[in-house]
Amino acid sequence: MKYISTRGQAPELTFDEAMLTGLARDGGLYVPAEIPSFTRAEIEAMAGLSYEEIAYQVMRPFVGDAFTDEEFAGCITRAYKSFGHAARAPLVQLNENHYLLELFHGPTLAFKDFAMQLIGQLFQLALGKRGERVTIVGATSGDTGSAAIEAFRGLENVDVFILYPHGRVSEVQRRQMTTPADSNVHALALDGDFDDCQARVKDMFNHFDFRDGVRLAGVNSINWARVLAQVVYYFTSAVTLGAPRRRISFSVPTGNFGDVFAGYIAGRMGLPIDRLVVATNQNDILHRCISGAGYHKGAVLPSISPSMDIQVSSNFERALFFAYDRDAGAVRQLMDELKAGGFDVSQGALEALQDIYLSGRVSEEETSQAITDWLATTGELLCPHSAIGVKIGEDLREAATPMVTLATAHPAKFPAAVEAATGVHPPLPPRMADLYERPERVTRIANDLDAIETHIKGHIAK
């Protein structure tokens, strides 16, 4: 299995090479040169299997010779053993033919744990084989950072630096990043928004002397292994609801497009997906683009769903690569135009996107109202991001087709917004009950590439 860059000017890599590299040296994102597919019979045979067994079957074809069968299966087992639900990603019925896929039973209460816990195991195994050490740098709008720190804390072969926008994440998200005491993990509060954090990470990857000098690696959703791990729960939920004998729709609250792009990959692998819904908050650049208005950046507006406060959605580049029929030159042109503020999508590519994705936008007021209403009618307490997915999923679902909304975080990660909407303060799980009492360790840093690189070089293990 080989991986190619969306911009076509970087060497092909194996799975482990692409995983450890993160961003391609031409600035592009790695995608598989070919997408494996399952037969109807193979998907039917997944019924009744455990999450780990389906995860192995779904991901194994993408791994190639990077790991043995036993090594890969062992990484999967270790990755999910700490999850707080035996089903790992259980389904809860909200309404007639509308289901909530609970993706918040991992150690940091967010869907990012499904990928990050696995990547932590795969990194440790791959680096141990190579006798190497890497420096992981990531940007987060809240959940990726805490999941990465939790996955890599205390590991021998990595130093981790996570940039998050100062004052623009929830207190729980911040404390999950700043309270781990392990010396190999570092939280950096950047003076800027998430797009600034993401831009500085990309700048570091494109500064090759720095990149090579600290052996830079990335675990943001630019990393293909992140997307691959998220493909799994599309299969587990769809098979539970009767796939492949019936088609299933999904509503995905998304900002960086990785989670919904994983659904696209699941469809390319043979999963019968009917509708793939992109659910956005007031930072609705993805909805505007899919609706035909082009991809043009605006100001990032702080919201009660901060993990979606994004204007530059990294994984959308992968979607464009396939919408433009794998034309890397066209993608390079679009990304050059994005540096100047934005681009329009060609008619053919727009039609290709619209054949796959539907989209919707939810305002702040509608988000709060959705939290209020669904608690009153179902007893289900939703985080703001999940409420956005539920609202648009309910609006766009068809009566005969099951709609699955991805619940991306536990409501306790966003207690202020949930309590304002419902009067209920969502408690943290017992294992995290002392989170507010733990000492914090964080460095506030300017939105300046030199300052960030200097700090990282001064704090990596020698």
Foldseek 3Di string as FASTA:
>chain_A
DWKAFLQRDADIDAQLVLQFLLAGLVRGFIDDPDFAADDQVVLLVCPPPALLVLLLVQCVVRRPVLDDSVLLSVLSCQLQVQFPDRNCFDWDDQDQLEIETLLQRDPLFFVLSLQQLSSLSVVLVNCVVVVAAAEEEEEALFPNQLSNCVNNAPRDRYAYEYEAAPPQFFPSSQLSQFQDPGQRYAYEHEPDHRVLSVVLVSVCSNPVVLCVVRVYGYDPLSRVSSLSSLLSVVSVVLSVVPPPVAAAEEFEEDAQCSNLVSVVSNVVNPTRHDAREYFAEPLPQVQCQLVFNFQFFDDQDRALPRRNSHSHRRCVLVLLCVLVVNPSNVSVVQVVVVVVTGDGDDPSSSVVSNVHHHYDYHYRVRLLQLQAVSCVRPVDHAASSQSRRVVVQVVPDDNVHRYYYYRGGDNQSRQVSSCVSHVDRDADPPVCNCSVVRDTHHHYDYSDSVRVSVVVVVRHDD
